[in-house]
């Protein structure tokens, strides 16, 4: 809608901390978004001395030693693929109890960074050690991989016995009462429904005790899948991708897994028919408990040369309808999922009440924004965004921050 991304603002605030401005340390950054600072001008503008792109285990310690010794270091350092036995065990608990079980993907999407092309599974003994480390700190494990279903696999096919055995071993660790996951691939889910069912039984899932995780739909266009993400469909074909997505959602629904799925708008070469295909697919998913997050294509990885990132100004009417359909889908399921989640996770009755009020207020506001966009702006998001920037939009801004501040004061 014309504003700055919150992550960008937070990053700038961190780099302008009084201690940073006073002592002028060398700033080294890395992580999944490090590709944004590959360009030297971007690093200078951000105030970053060095960016590490990719895996850091084998490069970051020598880099820090050189900085501590006062030596000059390059502005860009490329990480190396780390063998699983060289990935260190955790010494302390992690945010949300995150435990890495595998690294990389191996499906070969064009916009991925090279280090994620090689799939590696962490030894089970290391995983159990990291789970125990988190449990001792009072945190339940969240198993992380680009696709948790492919743990232990040596090919693209799911190794049912190894992945089920890993989940069973984690669930049986002393002190573990709940296991969550970060990501799973729909092709893996659709190709191995028996493995999903066995994991559901191990984790004692039901309608109100479901397992959430992120997954990628991206597009319903076989042409775009073949061009950029053919490996994402395997062991199915690109032509089968829309049906694979529906089949995967069906398996997840039957086993009480709730996906938070992404779609990507504005892939290079995308045509209106591709957008309409994706809109039709989202409509087919309306009956499944899930969330769908529409994202804009960002030129990165192998697609950062000769391609432009997609923005609000590039949206056509078909994109606007797809965007609004996704958020209507989320409003349909959001309240039910929130009720289940808060019932399990939040003991304080006052906090639960405030969350319900906040969600009800926010969802009504989003519905009104969608209505205004369709009725007053002809389903044209660029126009409504321009009106917002010009101060002409009549919808009141979201007051979630004020509500949360009230909650903190009351508690």
Protein backbone atom coordinates (compact mmCIF):
# COMPACT_ATOMS: atom_id res chain seq x y z
CA UNK A 1 0.00 0.00 0.00
CA UNK A 2 2.98 2.28 -0.46
CA UNK A 3 4.66 2.03 2.94
CA UNK A 4 8.05 0.67 3.97
CA UNK A 5 8.42 -3.02 4.95
CA UNK A 6 8.52 -3.45 8.71
CA UNK A 7 11.64 -5.64 8.50
CA UNK A 8 13.48 -2.87 6.65
CA UNK A 9 12.55 -0.33 9.32
CA UNK A 10 13.65 -2.68 12.11
CA UNK A 11 16.94 -3.37 10.37
CA UNK A 12 17.62 0.34 9.95
CA UNK A 13 16.76 0.97 13.61
CA UNK A 14 19.23 -1.72 14.68
CA UNK A 15 22.05 -0.25 12.58
CA UNK A 16 21.35 3.23 13.97
CA UNK A 17 21.44 2.11 17.59
CA UNK A 18 23.40 4.63 19.71
CA UNK A 19 26.02 1.99 20.58
CA UNK A 20 26.61 1.25 16.89
CA UNK A 21 26.91 4.93 16.05
CA UNK A 22 29.28 5.52 18.96
CA UNK A 23 31.67 2.58 18.61
CA UNK A 24 31.46 2.03 14.84
CA UNK A 25 31.92 -1.76 14.86
CA UNK A 26 32.30 -3.79 11.71
CA UNK A 27 28.81 -4.88 10.64
CA UNK A 28 28.51 -8.41 9.25
CA UNK A 29 25.10 -9.74 8.26
CA UNK A 30 23.81 -12.98 6.80
CA UNK A 31 20.80 -15.27 6.75
CA UNK A 32 17.97 -16.02 4.31
CA UNK A 33 17.63 -12.37 3.19
CA UNK A 34 21.33 -11.74 2.71
CA UNK A 35 20.93 -11.73 -1.10
CA UNK A 36 19.40 -8.25 -0.77
CA UNK A 37 22.84 -6.87 0.16
CA UNK A 38 24.92 -8.54 -2.56
CA UNK A 39 25.07 -5.28 -4.51
CA UNK A 40 27.90 -3.04 -3.15
CA UNK A 41 25.69 0.06 -3.30
CA UNK A 42 23.00 -1.70 -1.27
CA UNK A 43 25.59 -2.56 1.39
CA UNK A 44 26.85 1.02 1.53
CA UNK A 45 23.35 2.42 1.82
CA UNK A 46 22.54 -0.01 4.62
CA UNK A 47 25.79 0.62 6.49
CA UNK A 48 26.92 -3.02 6.23
CA UNK A 49 30.63 -3.87 5.86
CA UNK A 50 30.31 -7.53 4.90
CA UNK A 51 27.49 -9.86 3.93
CA UNK A 52 27.67 -13.66 4.12
CA UNK A 53 25.42 -15.37 1.56
CA UNK A 54 24.68 -19.03 2.19
CA UNK A 55 25.80 -21.39 4.93
CA UNK A 56 28.17 -19.90 7.46
CA UNK A 57 29.69 -22.77 9.46
CA UNK A 58 32.89 -23.06 7.42
CA UNK A 59 33.44 -19.37 6.65
CA UNK A 60 32.26 -17.14 9.47
CA UNK A 61 34.80 -18.02 12.18
CA UNK A 62 37.84 -17.22 9.94
CA UNK A 63 36.03 -14.06 8.85
CA UNK A 64 35.56 -12.88 12.44
CA UNK A 65 39.20 -13.69 13.27
CA UNK A 66 40.35 -11.47 10.39
CA UNK A 67 38.11 -8.64 11.56
CA UNK A 68 39.37 -8.96 15.16
CA UNK A 69 42.95 -8.87 13.85
CA UNK A 70 42.24 -5.59 12.06
CA UNK A 71 42.58 -7.09 8.59
CA UNK A 72 40.55 -5.98 5.60
CA UNK A 73 37.74 -8.33 4.68
CA UNK A 74 35.75 -8.62 1.43
CA UNK A 75 32.33 -7.03 1.22
CA UNK A 76 30.79 -10.29 0.01
CA UNK A 77 31.58 -13.78 1.32
CA UNK A 78 29.92 -16.83 -0.22
CA UNK A 79 29.18 -19.67 2.18
CA UNK A 80 29.99 -23.29 1.49
CA UNK A 81 27.77 -26.36 1.60
CA UNK A 82 28.28 -27.83 5.08
CA UNK A 83 28.33 -31.63 5.50
CA UNK A 84 25.72 -32.69 8.09
CA UNK A 85 28.36 -34.06 10.47
CA UNK A 86 29.97 -30.59 10.59
CA UNK A 87 26.75 -28.81 11.58
CA UNK A 88 27.26 -28.26 15.32
CA UNK A 89 24.82 -29.41 17.98
CA UNK A 90 22.95 -26.77 19.94
CA UNK A 91 24.50 -25.47 23.15
CA UNK A 92 21.43 -23.56 24.28
CA UNK A 93 17.72 -23.35 23.51
CA UNK A 94 16.58 -21.77 20.26
CA UNK A 95 13.73 -19.41 19.39
CA UNK A 96 10.48 -21.40 19.53
CA UNK A 97 12.49 -24.58 20.15
CA UNK A 98 13.57 -24.74 16.49
CA UNK A 99 15.54 -27.93 15.73
CA UNK A 100 17.09 -28.40 12.30
CA UNK A 101 16.49 -31.92 10.94
CA UNK A 102 17.64 -31.39 7.34
CA UNK A 103 19.20 -28.70 5.22
CA UNK A 104 18.71 -27.86 1.58
CA UNK A 105 15.97 -28.97 -0.74
CA UNK A 106 17.32 -30.46 -3.96
CA UNK A 107 14.25 -29.61 -6.03
CA UNK A 108 16.16 -26.98 -8.01
CA UNK A 109 13.83 -23.99 -8.22
CA UNK A 110 15.38 -21.25 -10.34
CA UNK A 111 15.05 -18.51 -7.71
CA UNK A 112 16.78 -20.51 -4.95
CA UNK A 113 20.28 -19.88 -3.60
CA UNK A 114 22.86 -22.49 -4.69
CA UNK A 115 23.57 -23.82 -1.20
CA UNK A 116 19.99 -25.02 -0.84
CA UNK A 117 20.22 -27.21 -3.94
CA UNK A 118 21.92 -30.02 -2.03
CA UNK A 119 19.66 -31.91 0.39
CA UNK A 120 21.22 -33.29 3.59
CA UNK A 121 19.66 -34.94 6.66
CA UNK A 122 20.99 -34.31 10.17
CA UNK A 123 21.94 -37.50 12.06
CA UNK A 124 19.12 -38.64 14.35
CA UNK A 125 21.40 -38.59 17.42
CA UNK A 126 22.14 -34.89 16.82
CA UNK A 127 18.43 -34.13 16.44
CA UNK A 128 17.63 -35.85 19.73
CA UNK A 129 20.44 -33.92 21.45
CA UNK A 130 19.02 -30.61 20.16
CA UNK A 131 15.49 -31.58 21.22
CA UNK A 132 16.75 -32.39 24.73
CA UNK A 133 18.58 -29.04 24.90
CA UNK A 134 15.35 -27.19 24.17
CA UNK A 135 13.22 -29.31 26.48
CA UNK A 136 15.59 -28.61 29.40
CA UNK A 137 14.95 -24.90 28.78
CA UNK A 138 11.18 -25.42 28.80
CA UNK A 139 10.65 -25.34 25.03
CA UNK A 140 8.91 -27.96 22.93
CA UNK A 141 10.60 -28.88 19.62
CA UNK A 142 9.70 -27.37 16.26
CA UNK A 143 11.33 -29.54 13.58
CA UNK A 144 12.76 -27.46 10.75
CA UNK A 145 13.59 -28.39 7.16
CA UNK A 146 12.61 -27.11 3.75
CA UNK A 147 10.49 -30.28 3.60
CA UNK A 148 10.23 -32.30 6.82
CA UNK A 149 8.63 -35.17 4.90
CA UNK A 150 11.87 -35.90 3.06
CA UNK A 151 13.95 -36.48 6.18
CA UNK A 152 16.34 -39.36 5.51
CA UNK A 153 15.41 -39.59 1.81
CA UNK A 154 18.16 -40.37 -0.68
CA UNK A 155 16.03 -39.53 -3.71
CA UNK A 156 13.07 -37.22 -4.32
CA UNK A 157 10.79 -39.95 -2.97
CA UNK A 158 9.76 -39.91 0.70
CA UNK A 159 11.52 -42.56 2.81
CA UNK A 160 8.51 -43.46 4.95
CA UNK A 161 10.32 -45.57 7.53
CA UNK A 162 13.07 -43.05 8.19
CA UNK A 163 10.83 -39.99 8.48
CA UNK A 164 8.26 -41.80 10.63
CA UNK A 165 11.08 -43.20 12.76
CA UNK A 166 12.49 -39.72 13.28
CA UNK A 167 9.13 -38.33 14.41
CA UNK A 168 8.65 -41.28 16.75
CA UNK A 169 12.12 -40.83 18.26
CA UNK A 170 11.51 -37.12 18.89
CA UNK A 171 8.04 -37.66 20.35
CA UNK A 172 9.39 -40.28 22.74
CA UNK A 173 12.13 -38.04 24.19
CA UNK A 174 11.67 -37.34 27.87
CA UNK A 175 9.69 -34.15 28.45
CA UNK A 176 8.34 -33.86 24.91
CA UNK A 177 4.59 -33.27 24.96
CA UNK A 178 4.15 -31.57 21.60
CA UNK A 179 6.01 -31.56 18.28
CA UNK A 180 5.54 -28.92 15.60
CA UNK A 181 7.11 -28.46 12.17
CA UNK A 182 8.18 -25.57 9.97
CA UNK A 183 7.73 -26.63 6.31
CA UNK A 184 6.46 -29.48 4.17
CA UNK A 185 6.16 -29.91 0.39
CA UNK A 186 2.77 -30.67 -1.13
CA UNK A 187 4.28 -33.10 -3.63
CA UNK A 188 5.78 -35.10 -0.76
CA UNK A 189 2.50 -35.08 1.13
CA UNK A 190 0.47 -36.15 -1.91
CA UNK A 191 2.92 -38.93 -2.76
CA UNK A 192 3.13 -40.38 0.76
CA UNK A 193 -0.29 -40.20 2.47
CA UNK A 194 0.48 -43.29 4.58
CA UNK A 195 3.53 -41.58 6.10
CA UNK A 196 1.43 -38.50 6.93
CA UNK A 197 -1.18 -40.69 8.61
CA UNK A 198 1.44 -42.52 10.71
CA UNK A 199 2.97 -39.21 11.84
CA UNK A 200 -0.52 -37.97 12.78
CA UNK A 201 -1.00 -41.04 14.97
CA UNK A 202 2.41 -40.58 16.64
CA UNK A 203 1.64 -36.93 17.44
CA UNK A 204 -1.94 -37.66 18.60
CA UNK A 205 -3.45 -35.04 16.32
CA UNK A 206 -7.18 -34.36 16.02
CA UNK A 207 -9.49 -31.60 14.78
CA UNK A 208 -8.65 -29.28 17.67
CA UNK A 209 -5.01 -30.36 18.10
CA UNK A 210 -3.69 -29.83 14.60
CA UNK A 211 -0.23 -29.48 13.13
CA UNK A 212 0.55 -26.27 11.24
CA UNK A 213 3.33 -25.71 8.74
CA UNK A 214 4.35 -23.66 5.73
CA UNK A 215 4.14 -24.93 2.18
CA UNK A 216 4.34 -23.52 -1.32
CA UNK A 217 1.62 -23.53 -3.97
CA UNK A 218 3.20 -20.58 -5.84
CA UNK A 219 1.15 -20.90 -9.05
CA UNK A 220 -1.35 -23.17 -10.75
CA UNK A 221 0.24 -22.60 -14.16
CA UNK A 222 1.95 -25.72 -15.55
CA UNK A 223 3.91 -23.44 -17.91
CA UNK A 224 5.39 -21.38 -15.07
CA UNK A 225 6.05 -24.50 -12.99
CA UNK A 226 7.94 -26.06 -15.92
CA UNK A 227 9.92 -22.86 -16.47
CA UNK A 228 10.96 -22.14 -12.88
CA UNK A 229 9.97 -24.93 -10.47
CA UNK A 230 9.71 -28.27 -12.25
CA UNK A 231 11.42 -30.03 -9.36
CA UNK A 232 8.74 -28.80 -6.99
CA UNK A 233 6.23 -31.09 -8.71
CA UNK A 234 8.25 -34.30 -8.52
CA UNK A 235 7.42 -37.19 -8.44
CA UNK A 236 4.45 -35.72 -10.35
CA UNK A 237 4.57 -33.71 -13.58
CA UNK A 238 4.07 -29.98 -14.05
CA UNK A 239 0.79 -30.67 -15.86
CA UNK A 240 -0.38 -32.53 -12.75
CA UNK A 241 0.56 -29.71 -10.36
CA UNK A 242 -2.92 -28.22 -9.75
CA UNK A 243 -4.31 -31.69 -8.96
CA UNK A 244 -1.25 -32.44 -6.84
CA UNK A 245 -1.98 -29.33 -4.75
CA UNK A 246 -5.62 -30.34 -4.25
CA UNK A 247 -4.63 -33.92 -3.43
CA UNK A 248 -2.03 -32.67 -0.95
CA UNK A 249 -4.59 -30.42 0.77
CA UNK A 250 -6.98 -33.36 0.99
CA UNK A 251 -4.36 -35.55 2.68
CA UNK A 252 -3.48 -32.73 5.09
CA UNK A 253 -7.15 -32.11 5.96
CA UNK A 254 -7.79 -35.79 6.62
CA UNK A 255 -4.83 -35.92 8.99
CA UNK A 256 -5.36 -32.59 10.83
CA UNK A 257 -2.40 -30.78 9.28
CA UNK A 258 -3.15 -27.11 8.53
CA UNK A 259 -1.01 -25.56 5.76
CA UNK A 260 -0.05 -21.92 5.52
CA UNK A 261 0.52 -21.79 1.78
CA UNK A 262 2.25 -19.14 -0.32
CA UNK A 263 1.51 -18.08 -3.87
CA UNK A 264 3.80 -15.88 -5.98
CA UNK A 265 2.38 -13.17 -8.21
CA UNK A 266 4.39 -11.59 -11.00
CA UNK A 267 6.74 -14.40 -11.99
CA UNK A 268 8.62 -13.40 -15.18
CA UNK A 269 6.57 -14.34 -18.21
CA UNK A 270 3.32 -14.62 -16.25
CA UNK A 271 0.20 -14.02 -18.36
CA UNK A 272 -3.37 -13.25 -17.31
CA UNK A 273 -4.40 -16.85 -17.95
CA UNK A 274 -1.78 -18.00 -15.43
CA UNK A 275 -3.22 -15.68 -12.79
CA UNK A 276 -6.74 -16.90 -13.54
CA UNK A 277 -5.59 -20.52 -13.17
CA UNK A 278 -4.23 -19.71 -9.72
CA UNK A 279 -7.43 -17.92 -8.74
CA UNK A 280 -9.43 -20.98 -9.78
CA UNK A 281 -7.13 -23.21 -7.73
CA UNK A 282 -7.54 -21.03 -4.62
CA UNK A 283 -11.30 -21.34 -5.06
CA UNK A 284 -10.93 -25.13 -5.10
CA UNK A 285 -9.00 -24.96 -1.82
CA UNK A 286 -11.70 -22.92 -0.06
CA UNK A 287 -13.10 -26.00 1.74
CA UNK A 288 -9.82 -26.95 3.41
CA UNK A 289 -8.66 -25.47 6.72
CA UNK A 290 -5.67 -23.42 5.65
CA UNK A 291 -4.21 -19.97 5.15
CA UNK A 292 -2.99 -18.63 1.79
CA UNK A 293 -0.41 -15.83 1.69
CA UNK A 294 -0.03 -13.93 -1.60
CA UNK A 295 3.56 -12.80 -2.21
CA UNK A 296 5.15 -10.63 -4.89
CA UNK A 297 7.97 -12.06 -6.99
CA UNK A 298 11.39 -10.74 -5.94
CA UNK A 299 14.26 -10.95 -8.43
CA UNK A 300 16.89 -13.02 -6.64
CA UNK A 301 18.92 -16.21 -6.93
CA UNK A 302 19.35 -17.23 -10.54
CA UNK A 303 16.61 -14.78 -11.53
CA UNK A 304 18.30 -11.57 -10.39
CA UNK A 305 19.72 -10.71 -13.82
CA UNK A 306 17.42 -9.28 -16.45
CA UNK A 307 14.28 -9.65 -14.32
CA UNK A 308 12.39 -7.06 -12.34
CA UNK A 309 10.72 -7.54 -8.99
CA UNK A 310 6.93 -7.34 -8.99
CA UNK A 311 5.21 -4.55 -7.04
CA UNK A 312 1.80 -3.07 -6.35
CA UNK A 313 2.12 -0.79 -9.38
CA UNK A 314 2.45 -3.86 -11.63
CA UNK A 315 -0.81 -5.48 -10.51
CA UNK A 316 -3.53 -6.02 -13.09
CA UNK A 317 -7.17 -6.57 -12.22
CA UNK A 318 -6.66 -10.34 -12.24
CA UNK A 319 -3.87 -9.97 -9.65
CA UNK A 320 -6.13 -7.80 -7.50
CA UNK A 321 -8.91 -10.38 -7.55
CA UNK A 322 -6.46 -13.16 -6.72
CA UNK A 323 -5.04 -11.10 -3.84
CA UNK A 324 -8.48 -10.39 -2.39
CA UNK A 325 -9.62 -13.99 -2.86
CA UNK A 326 -6.67 -15.15 -0.78
CA UNK A 327 -7.61 -12.83 2.07
CA UNK A 328 -11.27 -13.85 1.90
CA UNK A 329 -10.04 -17.43 2.25
CA UNK A 330 -7.98 -16.44 5.29
CA UNK A 331 -10.91 -14.62 6.90
CA UNK A 332 -13.06 -17.72 6.41
CA UNK A 333 -10.69 -19.95 8.38
CA UNK A 334 -8.83 -17.49 10.57
CA UNK A 335 -11.31 -17.26 13.43
CA UNK A 336 -11.69 -21.04 13.80
CA UNK A 337 -7.93 -21.59 13.75
CA UNK A 338 -7.39 -18.76 16.23
CA UNK A 339 -9.96 -20.22 18.63
CA UNK A 340 -8.21 -23.62 18.57
CA UNK A 341 -4.75 -22.09 18.92
CA UNK A 342 -5.57 -19.71 21.75
CA UNK A 343 -7.46 -22.44 23.61
CA UNK A 344 -4.31 -24.58 23.63
CA UNK A 345 -1.67 -21.89 24.00
CA UNK A 346 -3.06 -18.98 26.05
CA UNK A 347 -4.23 -19.61 29.60
CA UNK A 348 -5.12 -16.05 30.48
CA UNK A 349 -8.82 -15.43 29.85
CA UNK A 350 -8.40 -11.68 29.50
CA UNK A 351 -5.73 -12.12 26.83
CA UNK A 352 -7.98 -14.54 24.91
CA UNK A 353 -10.84 -12.02 25.03
CA UNK A 354 -8.65 -9.22 23.74
CA UNK A 355 -7.33 -11.41 20.93
CA UNK A 356 -10.86 -12.28 19.82
CA UNK A 357 -11.84 -8.61 19.87
CA UNK A 358 -8.70 -7.63 17.96
CA UNK A 359 -9.23 -10.34 15.33
CA UNK A 360 -12.92 -9.49 14.95
CA UNK A 361 -12.11 -5.80 14.52
CA UNK A 362 -9.30 -6.47 12.07
CA UNK A 363 -11.24 -8.98 9.98
CA UNK A 364 -14.22 -6.65 9.69
CA UNK A 365 -11.86 -3.90 8.57
CA UNK A 366 -10.28 -6.15 5.93
CA UNK A 367 -13.71 -7.13 4.63
CA UNK A 368 -14.61 -3.46 4.36
CA UNK A 369 -11.33 -2.74 2.53
CA UNK A 370 -12.09 -5.54 0.05
CA UNK A 371 -15.62 -4.18 -0.47
CA UNK A 372 -14.32 -0.66 -1.07
CA UNK A 373 -11.67 -1.94 -3.47
CA UNK A 374 -14.23 -3.88 -5.51
CA UNK A 375 -17.12 -1.43 -5.41
CA UNK A 376 -15.38 1.96 -5.41
CA UNK A 377 -12.11 1.20 -7.21
CA UNK A 378 -13.16 -1.51 -9.68
CA UNK A 379 -10.97 -4.21 -8.10
CA UNK A 380 -7.91 -2.09 -8.85
CA UNK A 381 -5.39 -2.38 -6.00
CA UNK A 382 -2.86 0.04 -7.59
CA UNK A 383 -5.58 2.72 -7.57
CA UNK A 384 -6.58 2.13 -3.97
CA UNK A 385 -2.89 2.10 -2.97
CA UNK A 386 -2.39 5.44 -4.72
CA UNK A 387 -5.42 6.83 -2.90
CA UNK A 388 -3.98 5.61 0.37
CA UNK A 389 -0.65 7.34 -0.30
CA UNK A 390 -2.50 10.54 -1.19
CA UNK A 391 -4.52 10.42 2.02
CA UNK A 392 -7.78 10.01 0.14
CA UNK A 393 -8.70 6.53 1.36
CA UNK A 394 -11.63 6.59 3.76
CA UNK A 395 -10.96 3.26 5.51
CA UNK A 396 -9.62 3.83 9.01
CA UNK A 397 -6.13 2.40 9.63
CA UNK A 398 -5.79 -0.80 11.63
CA UNK A 399 -5.49 -0.16 15.39
CA UNK A 400 -4.00 -3.50 16.38
CA UNK A 401 -0.96 -1.79 17.90
CA UNK A 402 -3.18 0.29 20.19
CA UNK A 403 -5.16 -2.80 21.17
CA UNK A 404 -2.00 -4.74 22.01
CA UNK A 405 -0.68 -1.83 24.06
CA UNK A 406 -3.95 -1.88 26.01
CA UNK A 407 -3.55 -5.61 26.59
CA UNK A 408 -0.06 -5.12 27.99
CA UNK A 409 -1.26 -2.35 30.29
CA UNK A 410 -4.17 -4.41 31.55
CA UNK A 411 -1.98 -7.42 32.24
